[in-house]
Amino acid sequence: MRQGCRALLLLLALTLTPACGAAIGDDCSSDSQCPSGSYCDRTMPGGYCTTMNCRPGDCPDGSVCVEFSNGESYCMDRCADNGDCRSDYNCITSIGLWPFCSVED
């Protein structure tokens, strides 16, 4: 009986777990909605999961470390064109080595 209960609990847990976890660039309203070690930048439209003070190679797959003119660096969602970005975001190619999703200034 215990084996059956454990299997049922495991199946229930897997069913309730989202197929994909949060990623850099996802919309958010709190830090808990972002990947571990990142936070929700609520100054961005719809919130933006990011990590501050990154260095090249620090960011998770699908994201890139971008250093801005003020010297601050953030992990940003990597893109090839505007279609890869969320609504209200564009694929920025004028800053850094790799294009990333953000709002234009």
N, C-alpha and C. Protein backbone atom coordinates (compact mmCIF):
# COMPACT_ATOMS: atom_id res chain seq x y z
N MET A 1 0.82 -1.20 0.00
CA MET A 1 0.00 0.00 0.00
C MET A 1 0.86 1.25 0.00
N ARG A 2 1.95 1.26 0.78
CA ARG A 2 2.82 2.42 0.83
C ARG A 2 3.44 2.71 -0.53
N GLN A 3 3.85 1.67 -1.25
CA GLN A 3 4.45 1.84 -2.57
C GLN A 3 3.45 2.54 -3.50
N GLY A 4 2.19 2.12 -3.45
CA GLY A 4 1.16 2.71 -4.29
C GLY A 4 0.93 4.18 -3.96
N CYS A 5 0.96 4.52 -2.68
CA CYS A 5 0.78 5.92 -2.26
C CYS A 5 1.95 6.77 -2.73
N ARG A 6 3.17 6.25 -2.63
CA ARG A 6 4.34 7.01 -3.09
C ARG A 6 4.27 7.24 -4.59
N ALA A 7 3.89 6.22 -5.33
CA ALA A 7 3.78 6.36 -6.78
C ALA A 7 2.71 7.38 -7.15
N LEU A 8 1.60 7.34 -6.44
CA LEU A 8 0.53 8.29 -6.70
C LEU A 8 0.97 9.72 -6.38
N LEU A 9 1.68 9.92 -5.27
CA LEU A 9 2.19 11.24 -4.92
C LEU A 9 3.20 11.74 -5.94
N LEU A 10 4.07 10.86 -6.42
CA LEU A 10 5.05 11.24 -7.42
C LEU A 10 4.35 11.64 -8.72
N LEU A 11 3.37 10.87 -9.13
CA LEU A 11 2.62 11.19 -10.34
C LEU A 11 1.90 12.52 -10.20
N LEU A 12 1.31 12.77 -9.06
CA LEU A 12 0.62 14.03 -8.80
C LEU A 12 1.61 15.20 -8.84
N ALA A 13 2.76 15.04 -8.24
CA ALA A 13 3.77 16.10 -8.23
C ALA A 13 4.25 16.41 -9.65
N LEU A 14 4.47 15.39 -10.45
CA LEU A 14 4.91 15.59 -11.83
C LEU A 14 3.83 16.27 -12.66
N THR A 15 2.60 15.96 -12.39
CA THR A 15 1.48 16.55 -13.12
C THR A 15 1.34 18.03 -12.80
N LEU A 16 1.59 18.40 -11.56
CA LEU A 16 1.44 19.78 -11.14
C LEU A 16 2.67 20.63 -11.43
N THR A 17 3.79 20.02 -11.78
CA THR A 17 5.01 20.75 -12.08
C THR A 17 4.97 21.22 -13.52
N PRO A 18 5.24 22.53 -13.76
CA PRO A 18 5.23 23.02 -15.13
C PRO A 18 6.28 22.31 -15.98
N ALA A 19 6.00 22.17 -17.27
CA ALA A 19 6.91 21.48 -18.19
C ALA A 19 8.22 22.23 -18.31
N CYS A 20 8.18 23.54 -18.31
CA CYS A 20 9.39 24.34 -18.44
C CYS A 20 9.49 25.28 -17.25
N GLY A 21 10.71 25.48 -16.77
CA GLY A 21 10.91 26.41 -15.68
C GLY A 21 11.01 27.83 -16.20
N ALA A 22 11.10 28.76 -15.28
CA ALA A 22 11.25 30.15 -15.64
C ALA A 22 12.60 30.38 -16.31
N ALA A 23 12.67 31.40 -17.14
CA ALA A 23 13.89 31.71 -17.87
C ALA A 23 14.19 33.21 -17.80
N ILE A 24 15.43 33.56 -18.05
CA ILE A 24 15.80 34.96 -18.15
C ILE A 24 14.95 35.60 -19.25
N GLY A 25 14.40 36.77 -18.97
CA GLY A 25 13.56 37.48 -19.93
C GLY A 25 12.08 37.21 -19.77
N ASP A 26 11.71 36.22 -18.96
CA ASP A 26 10.29 35.94 -18.74
C ASP A 26 9.62 37.10 -18.00
N ASP A 27 8.30 37.22 -18.19
CA ASP A 27 7.55 38.22 -17.44
C ASP A 27 7.40 37.74 -16.00
N CYS A 28 7.22 38.68 -15.09
CA CYS A 28 7.15 38.33 -13.67
C CYS A 28 6.56 39.49 -12.89
N SER A 29 6.13 39.18 -11.69
CA SER A 29 5.69 40.22 -10.76
C SER A 29 6.38 40.05 -9.41
N SER A 30 7.14 38.95 -9.24
CA SER A 30 7.89 38.74 -8.01
C SER A 30 9.13 37.90 -8.33
N ASP A 31 10.13 37.99 -7.46
CA ASP A 31 11.38 37.24 -7.64
C ASP A 31 11.15 35.74 -7.69
N SER A 32 10.16 35.25 -6.98
CA SER A 32 9.91 33.80 -6.92
C SER A 32 9.49 33.22 -8.27
N GLN A 33 9.09 34.06 -9.21
CA GLN A 33 8.69 33.59 -10.53
C GLN A 33 9.88 33.47 -11.48
N CYS A 34 11.06 33.85 -11.02
CA CYS A 34 12.26 33.85 -11.86
C CYS A 34 13.17 32.67 -11.51
N PRO A 35 14.12 32.36 -12.41
CA PRO A 35 15.04 31.26 -12.12
C PRO A 35 15.83 31.52 -10.84
N SER A 36 16.29 30.47 -10.23
CA SER A 36 17.08 30.57 -9.01
C SER A 36 18.29 31.48 -9.25
N GLY A 37 18.55 32.40 -8.34
CA GLY A 37 19.68 33.29 -8.45
C GLY A 37 19.39 34.56 -9.24
N SER A 38 18.20 34.68 -9.79
CA SER A 38 17.84 35.89 -10.54
C SER A 38 16.72 36.61 -9.80
N TYR A 39 16.33 37.75 -10.33
CA TYR A 39 15.27 38.53 -9.69
C TYR A 39 14.35 39.12 -10.75
N CYS A 40 13.23 39.66 -10.31
CA CYS A 40 12.25 40.28 -11.19
C CYS A 40 12.48 41.78 -11.22
N ASP A 41 12.89 42.28 -12.38
CA ASP A 41 13.06 43.72 -12.56
C ASP A 41 11.70 44.29 -12.93
N ARG A 42 11.02 44.84 -11.94
CA ARG A 42 9.66 45.35 -12.14
C ARG A 42 9.63 46.73 -12.79
N THR A 43 10.81 47.31 -13.09
CA THR A 43 10.83 48.57 -13.83
C THR A 43 10.62 48.33 -15.32
N MET A 44 10.76 47.10 -15.76
CA MET A 44 10.56 46.73 -17.17
C MET A 44 9.08 46.37 -17.38
N PRO A 45 8.52 46.65 -18.57
CA PRO A 45 7.12 46.32 -18.83
C PRO A 45 6.80 44.85 -18.59
N GLY A 46 5.82 44.59 -17.71
CA GLY A 46 5.43 43.22 -17.39
C GLY A 46 6.43 42.49 -16.51
N GLY A 47 7.46 43.18 -16.04
CA GLY A 47 8.52 42.55 -15.26
C GLY A 47 9.45 41.78 -16.18
N TYR A 48 10.70 41.58 -15.76
CA TYR A 48 11.71 40.92 -16.59
C TYR A 48 12.65 40.16 -15.67
N CYS A 49 12.68 38.84 -15.78
CA CYS A 49 13.60 38.04 -14.98
C CYS A 49 15.02 38.27 -15.48
N THR A 50 15.92 38.64 -14.58
CA THR A 50 17.30 38.92 -14.96
C THR A 50 18.24 38.66 -13.79
N THR A 51 19.52 38.74 -14.07
CA THR A 51 20.56 38.64 -13.05
C THR A 51 21.49 39.83 -13.24
N MET A 52 21.84 40.48 -12.16
CA MET A 52 22.70 41.68 -12.23
C MET A 52 24.15 41.30 -11.97
N ASN A 53 25.06 42.11 -12.48
CA ASN A 53 26.51 41.94 -12.27
C ASN A 53 27.04 40.64 -12.85
N CYS A 54 26.59 40.30 -14.04
CA CYS A 54 27.08 39.09 -14.70
C CYS A 54 28.39 39.39 -15.42
N ARG A 55 29.05 38.31 -15.82
CA ARG A 55 30.22 38.37 -16.68
C ARG A 55 29.97 37.42 -17.84
N PRO A 56 30.66 37.63 -18.96
CA PRO A 56 30.46 36.71 -20.09
C PRO A 56 30.60 35.25 -19.65
N GLY A 57 29.66 34.44 -20.05
CA GLY A 57 29.66 33.02 -19.68
C GLY A 57 28.89 32.72 -18.41
N ASP A 58 28.46 33.74 -17.66
CA ASP A 58 27.74 33.53 -16.40
C ASP A 58 26.26 33.21 -16.59
N CYS A 59 25.68 33.66 -17.68
CA CYS A 59 24.22 33.59 -17.85
C CYS A 59 23.76 32.21 -18.32
N PRO A 60 22.54 31.83 -17.95
CA PRO A 60 22.00 30.52 -18.36
C PRO A 60 21.82 30.44 -19.88
N ASP A 61 21.66 29.22 -20.38
CA ASP A 61 21.39 29.00 -21.80
C ASP A 61 20.23 29.86 -22.25
N GLY A 62 20.35 30.40 -23.46
CA GLY A 62 19.29 31.22 -24.01
C GLY A 62 19.37 32.68 -23.61
N SER A 63 20.39 33.03 -22.81
CA SER A 63 20.55 34.42 -22.40
C SER A 63 22.01 34.82 -22.56
N VAL A 64 22.23 36.11 -22.49
CA VAL A 64 23.57 36.66 -22.71
C VAL A 64 23.82 37.78 -21.71
N CYS A 65 25.07 37.93 -21.29
CA CYS A 65 25.45 39.00 -20.38
C CYS A 65 25.68 40.26 -21.20
N VAL A 66 24.96 41.32 -20.85
CA VAL A 66 25.06 42.59 -21.57
C VAL A 66 25.58 43.65 -20.61
N GLU A 67 26.67 44.33 -21.01
CA GLU A 67 27.17 45.45 -20.21
C GLU A 67 26.67 46.74 -20.86
N PHE A 68 26.00 47.55 -20.07
CA PHE A 68 25.42 48.80 -20.55
C PHE A 68 26.40 49.95 -20.32
N SER A 69 26.12 51.09 -20.92
CA SER A 69 27.04 52.24 -20.88
C SER A 69 27.30 52.75 -19.46
N ASN A 70 26.39 52.47 -18.53
CA ASN A 70 26.59 52.91 -17.14
C ASN A 70 27.48 51.94 -16.35
N GLY A 71 27.99 50.90 -17.02
CA GLY A 71 28.88 49.94 -16.38
C GLY A 71 28.17 48.77 -15.73
N GLU A 72 26.84 48.82 -15.65
CA GLU A 72 26.08 47.71 -15.07
C GLU A 72 25.89 46.62 -16.11
N SER A 73 25.87 45.38 -15.65
CA SER A 73 25.68 44.25 -16.56
C SER A 73 24.54 43.37 -16.07
N TYR A 74 23.78 42.85 -17.03
CA TYR A 74 22.61 42.03 -16.72
C TYR A 74 22.54 40.86 -17.69
N CYS A 75 22.01 39.73 -17.22
CA CYS A 75 21.67 38.63 -18.11
C CYS A 75 20.37 39.00 -18.80
N MET A 76 20.38 38.94 -20.13
CA MET A 76 19.22 39.32 -20.93
C MET A 76 18.87 38.18 -21.87
N ASP A 77 17.59 38.09 -22.23
CA ASP A 77 17.10 37.07 -23.14
C ASP A 77 17.71 37.27 -24.53
N ARG A 78 18.39 36.26 -25.04
CA ARG A 78 19.04 36.34 -26.34
C ARG A 78 18.01 36.17 -27.45
N CYS A 79 18.22 36.84 -28.60
CA CYS A 79 17.27 36.78 -29.70
C CYS A 79 18.00 36.83 -31.04
N ALA A 80 17.26 36.49 -32.10
CA ALA A 80 17.77 36.63 -33.46
C ALA A 80 17.04 37.78 -34.17
N ASP A 81 15.77 37.97 -33.79
CA ASP A 81 14.97 39.06 -34.36
C ASP A 81 13.82 39.38 -33.41
N ASN A 82 13.03 40.40 -33.74
CA ASN A 82 11.94 40.84 -32.86
C ASN A 82 10.94 39.74 -32.56
N GLY A 83 10.77 38.79 -33.47
CA GLY A 83 9.84 37.69 -33.26
C GLY A 83 10.21 36.78 -32.11
N ASP A 84 11.47 36.82 -31.67
CA ASP A 84 11.93 36.01 -30.54
C ASP A 84 11.62 36.65 -29.20
N CYS A 85 11.20 37.90 -29.22
CA CYS A 85 10.99 38.66 -27.97
C CYS A 85 9.51 38.75 -27.61
N ARG A 86 9.28 39.01 -26.34
CA ARG A 86 7.92 39.22 -25.84
C ARG A 86 7.31 40.45 -26.49
N SER A 87 5.99 40.54 -26.42
CA SER A 87 5.27 41.73 -26.87
C SER A 87 5.82 42.94 -26.12
N ASP A 88 5.94 44.08 -26.76
CA ASP A 88 6.48 45.31 -26.19
C ASP A 88 8.01 45.30 -26.06
N TYR A 89 8.66 44.26 -26.54
CA TYR A 89 10.12 44.17 -26.49
C TYR A 89 10.66 44.02 -27.91
N ASN A 90 11.89 44.47 -28.10
CA ASN A 90 12.55 44.36 -29.39
C ASN A 90 13.89 43.65 -29.24
N CYS A 91 14.37 43.12 -30.34
CA CYS A 91 15.68 42.50 -30.38
C CYS A 91 16.71 43.61 -30.62
N ILE A 92 17.46 43.94 -29.59
CA ILE A 92 18.42 45.04 -29.62
C ILE A 92 19.76 44.52 -30.14
N THR A 93 20.26 45.15 -31.19
CA THR A 93 21.52 44.71 -31.80
C THR A 93 22.62 45.76 -31.67
N SER A 94 22.30 46.93 -31.13
CA SER A 94 23.25 48.04 -31.09
C SER A 94 24.12 48.09 -29.83
N ILE A 95 23.90 47.16 -28.91
CA ILE A 95 24.67 47.14 -27.65
C ILE A 95 25.24 45.74 -27.47
N GLY A 96 26.52 45.65 -27.17
CA GLY A 96 27.14 44.36 -26.87
C GLY A 96 27.40 43.52 -28.11
N LEU A 97 27.85 42.30 -27.86
CA LEU A 97 28.23 41.39 -28.93
C LEU A 97 27.07 40.57 -29.47
N TRP A 98 26.05 40.34 -28.64
CA TRP A 98 24.94 39.47 -29.02
C TRP A 98 23.63 40.22 -28.90
N PRO A 99 22.70 40.00 -29.81
CA PRO A 99 21.39 40.65 -29.71
C PRO A 99 20.61 40.11 -28.51
N PHE A 100 19.78 40.98 -27.92
CA PHE A 100 19.00 40.61 -26.74
C PHE A 100 17.67 41.34 -26.74
N CYS A 101 16.71 40.79 -26.01
CA CYS A 101 15.37 41.38 -25.92
C CYS A 101 15.33 42.42 -24.81
N SER A 102 14.87 43.61 -25.19
CA SER A 102 14.69 44.68 -24.21
C SER A 102 13.76 45.73 -24.83
N VAL A 103 13.50 46.75 -24.05
CA VAL A 103 12.73 47.88 -24.57
C VAL A 103 13.73 48.90 -25.08
N GLU A 104 13.33 49.64 -26.11
CA GLU A 104 14.23 50.67 -26.63
C GLU A 104 14.12 51.91 -25.76
N ASP A 105 15.25 52.63 -25.66
CA ASP A 105 15.26 53.88 -24.89
C ASP A 105 14.52 54.97 -25.61
